[in-house]
Amino acid sequence: GEVAGALNKIVGHLWPRVSNYTTHVLLTQVQPVLQAKLPKLLADLSFHPGKCHLGQRPLQFRRIHIDREHQRTATGGIQNLAIQARFEWDADCNIFLRFPKVPGL
């Protein structure tokens, strides 16, 4: 519908930034945790910065349904928006890992 089409335009415009941010998170948050938790032979694992990205094809919203819902709270109640979405992603992403200490990798 209209909402899905509008969101798809927004996501398409932001997709390169989303991809760059995902790469940043992999390099600065995920990689250090993996390096700390893996056995010594694999501890120098790293993501290749130039080969980790979400690709050029953004996810596509197919259907979005928005409803108002009442939520009871300790002080009464509040109105929320409940958003349900169906989306597809024909991904062309790359996640490239390096294992320098493992022969043949």
C-alpha atoms as a PDB file:
ATOM      1  CA  GLY A   1       0.000   0.000   0.000  1.00  0.00           C
ATOM      2  CA  GLU A   2       0.845   3.663   0.240  1.00  0.00           C
ATOM      3  CA  VAL A   3       2.648   3.366   3.557  1.00  0.00           C
ATOM      4  CA  ALA A   4       4.804   0.463   2.365  1.00  0.00           C
ATOM      5  CA  GLY A   5       5.708   2.364  -0.804  1.00  0.00           C
ATOM      6  CA  ALA A   6       6.695   5.469   1.128  1.00  0.00           C
ATOM      7  CA  LEU A   7       8.773   3.452   3.610  1.00  0.00           C
ATOM      8  CA  ASN A   8      10.487   1.626   0.750  1.00  0.00           C
ATOM      9  CA  LYS A   9      11.586   4.980  -0.681  1.00  0.00           C
ATOM     10  CA  ILE A  10      12.954   6.050   2.700  1.00  0.00           C
ATOM     11  CA  VAL A  11      14.742   2.727   3.270  1.00  0.00           C
ATOM     12  CA  GLY A  12      16.182   2.855  -0.255  1.00  0.00           C
ATOM     13  CA  HIS A  13      17.582   6.312   0.399  1.00  0.00           C
ATOM     14  CA  LEU A  14      19.038   5.327   3.787  1.00  0.00           C
ATOM     15  CA  TRP A  15      20.306   1.860   2.790  1.00  0.00           C
ATOM     16  CA  PRO A  16      23.934   2.890   2.122  1.00  0.00           C
ATOM     17  CA  ARG A  17      24.075   4.495   5.580  1.00  0.00           C
ATOM     18  CA  VAL A  18      22.457   1.447   7.187  1.00  0.00           C
ATOM     19  CA  SER A  19      25.031  -0.753   5.465  1.00  0.00           C
ATOM     20  CA  ASN A  20      27.931   1.445   6.620  1.00  0.00           C
ATOM     21  CA  TYR A  21      26.613   1.440  10.176  1.00  0.00           C
ATOM     22  CA  THR A  22      26.266  -2.355  10.116  1.00  0.00           C
ATOM     23  CA  THR A  23      29.889  -2.655   9.007  1.00  0.00           C
ATOM     24  CA  HIS A  24      30.914  -0.293  11.808  1.00  0.00           C
ATOM     25  CA  VAL A  25      29.046  -2.412  14.392  1.00  0.00           C
ATOM     26  CA  LEU A  26      30.652  -5.612  13.086  1.00  0.00           C
ATOM     27  CA  LEU A  27      34.135  -4.102  13.327  1.00  0.00           C
ATOM     28  CA  THR A  28      33.824  -2.257  16.636  1.00  0.00           C
ATOM     29  CA  GLN A  29      31.406  -4.372  18.670  1.00  0.00           C
ATOM     30  CA  VAL A  30      30.984  -7.880  17.257  1.00  0.00           C
ATOM     31  CA  GLN A  31      34.607  -8.504  16.263  1.00  0.00           C
ATOM     32  CA  PRO A  32      36.132  -7.770  19.711  1.00  0.00           C
ATOM     33  CA  VAL A  33      33.588 -10.048  21.427  1.00  0.00           C
ATOM     34  CA  LEU A  34      34.256 -12.876  18.991  1.00  0.00           C
ATOM     35  CA  GLN A  35      38.017 -12.456  19.376  1.00  0.00           C
ATOM     36  CA  ALA A  36      37.695 -12.640  23.170  1.00  0.00           C
ATOM     37  CA  LYS A  37      35.437 -15.717  23.163  1.00  0.00           C
ATOM     38  CA  LEU A  38      36.989 -17.887  20.443  1.00  0.00           C
ATOM     39  CA  PRO A  39      39.741 -20.469  21.016  1.00  0.00           C
ATOM     40  CA  LYS A  40      43.301 -19.142  20.695  1.00  0.00           C
ATOM     41  CA  LEU A  41      43.726 -20.527  17.158  1.00  0.00           C
ATOM     42  CA  LEU A  42      40.761 -18.413  15.980  1.00  0.00           C
ATOM     43  CA  ALA A  43      41.206 -15.419  18.305  1.00  0.00           C
ATOM     44  CA  ASP A  44      42.692 -13.208  15.600  1.00  0.00           C
ATOM     45  CA  LEU A  45      39.597 -13.550  13.438  1.00  0.00           C
ATOM     46  CA  SER A  46      38.619 -10.278  11.787  1.00  0.00           C
ATOM     47  CA  PHE A  47      35.983  -8.935   9.466  1.00  0.00           C
ATOM     48  CA  HIS A  48      37.349  -7.530   6.222  1.00  0.00           C
ATOM     49  CA  PRO A  49      36.228  -3.858   6.316  1.00  0.00           C
ATOM     50  CA  GLY A  50      35.990  -3.542   2.533  1.00  0.00           C
ATOM     51  CA  LYS A  51      34.091  -6.799   2.073  1.00  0.00           C
ATOM     52  CA  CYS A  52      31.426  -6.537   4.789  1.00  0.00           C
ATOM     53  CA  HIS A  53      28.272  -4.751   3.683  1.00  0.00           C
ATOM     54  CA  LEU A  54      24.538  -5.222   3.250  1.00  0.00           C
ATOM     55  CA  GLY A  55      24.744  -4.900  -0.533  1.00  0.00           C
ATOM     56  CA  GLN A  56      22.925  -2.636  -2.938  1.00  0.00           C
ATOM     57  CA  ARG A  57      19.418  -4.116  -2.655  1.00  0.00           C
ATOM     58  CA  PRO A  58      17.506  -2.822   0.390  1.00  0.00           C
ATOM     59  CA  LEU A  59      14.767  -4.749   2.112  1.00  0.00           C
ATOM     60  CA  GLN A  60      11.284  -4.098   0.736  1.00  0.00           C
ATOM     61  CA  PHE A  61       8.164  -3.679   2.828  1.00  0.00           C
ATOM     62  CA  ARG A  62       5.267  -5.627   1.348  1.00  0.00           C
ATOM     63  CA  ARG A  63       2.507  -4.880   3.827  1.00  0.00           C
ATOM     64  CA  ILE A  64       2.157  -2.650   6.854  1.00  0.00           C
ATOM     65  CA  HIS A  65      -0.736  -2.679   9.286  1.00  0.00           C
ATOM     66  CA  ILE A  66      -1.050   0.029  11.952  1.00  0.00           C
ATOM     67  CA  ASP A  67      -3.523  -0.083  14.854  1.00  0.00           C
ATOM     68  CA  ARG A  68      -4.052   1.798  18.086  1.00  0.00           C
ATOM     69  CA  GLU A  69      -3.828  -0.314  21.208  1.00  0.00           C
ATOM     70  CA  HIS A  70      -4.587   0.552  24.794  1.00  0.00           C
ATOM     71  CA  GLN A  71      -2.021  -0.486  27.385  1.00  0.00           C
ATOM     72  CA  ARG A  72      -2.835  -0.646  31.070  1.00  0.00           C
ATOM     73  CA  THR A  73      -0.214   0.800  33.365  1.00  0.00           C
ATOM     74  CA  ALA A  74       0.166   1.219  37.110  1.00  0.00           C
ATOM     75  CA  THR A  75      -1.057   4.807  36.780  1.00  0.00           C
ATOM     76  CA  GLY A  76      -3.941   4.177  34.379  1.00  0.00           C
ATOM     77  CA  GLY A  77      -3.369   3.603  30.711  1.00  0.00           C
ATOM     78  CA  ILE A  78      -1.702   4.856  27.572  1.00  0.00           C
ATOM     79  CA  GLN A  79      -2.432   4.627  23.863  1.00  0.00           C
ATOM     80  CA  ASN A  80       0.167   2.918  21.669  1.00  0.00           C
ATOM     81  CA  LEU A  81       0.555   2.395  17.976  1.00  0.00           C
ATOM     82  CA  ALA A  82       1.021  -1.273  17.074  1.00  0.00           C
ATOM     83  CA  ILE A  83       2.833  -1.719  13.783  1.00  0.00           C
ATOM     84  CA  GLN A  84       2.954  -5.050  11.967  1.00  0.00           C
ATOM     85  CA  ALA A  85       5.042  -5.303   8.833  1.00  0.00           C
ATOM     86  CA  ARG A  86       5.862  -7.940   6.263  1.00  0.00           C
ATOM     87  CA  PHE A  87       9.035  -7.440   4.305  1.00  0.00           C
ATOM     88  CA  GLU A  88      11.311  -9.271   1.891  1.00  0.00           C
ATOM     89  CA  TRP A  89      15.035  -8.939   1.383  1.00  0.00           C
ATOM     90  CA  ASP A  90      16.657 -10.331  -1.744  1.00  0.00           C
ATOM     91  CA  ALA A  91      20.036  -9.844  -0.115  1.00  0.00           C
ATOM     92  CA  ASP A  92      23.265  -9.290  -1.978  1.00  0.00           C
ATOM     93  CA  CYS A  93      25.269  -8.776   1.197  1.00  0.00           C
ATOM     94  CA  ASN A  94      28.831  -9.891   1.951  1.00  0.00           C
ATOM     95  CA  ILE A  95      30.297 -10.847   5.301  1.00  0.00           C
ATOM     96  CA  PHE A  96      33.963 -11.725   4.813  1.00  0.00           C
ATOM     97  CA  LEU A  97      35.955 -13.180   7.720  1.00  0.00           C
ATOM     98  CA  ARG A  98      39.713 -13.556   7.942  1.00  0.00           C
ATOM     99  CA  PHE A  99      41.399 -16.297  10.012  1.00  0.00           C
ATOM    100  CA  PRO A 100      45.131 -15.549   9.684  1.00  0.00           C
ATOM    101  CA  LYS A 101      46.336 -18.411  11.928  1.00  0.00           C
ATOM    102  CA  VAL A 102      44.313 -21.147  10.218  1.00  0.00           C
ATOM    103  CA  PRO A 103      46.233 -22.706   7.310  1.00  0.00           C
ATOM    104  CA  GLY A 104      44.377 -22.552   4.011  1.00  0.00           C
ATOM    105  CA  LEU A 105      41.891 -19.869   5.085  1.00  0.00           C
END
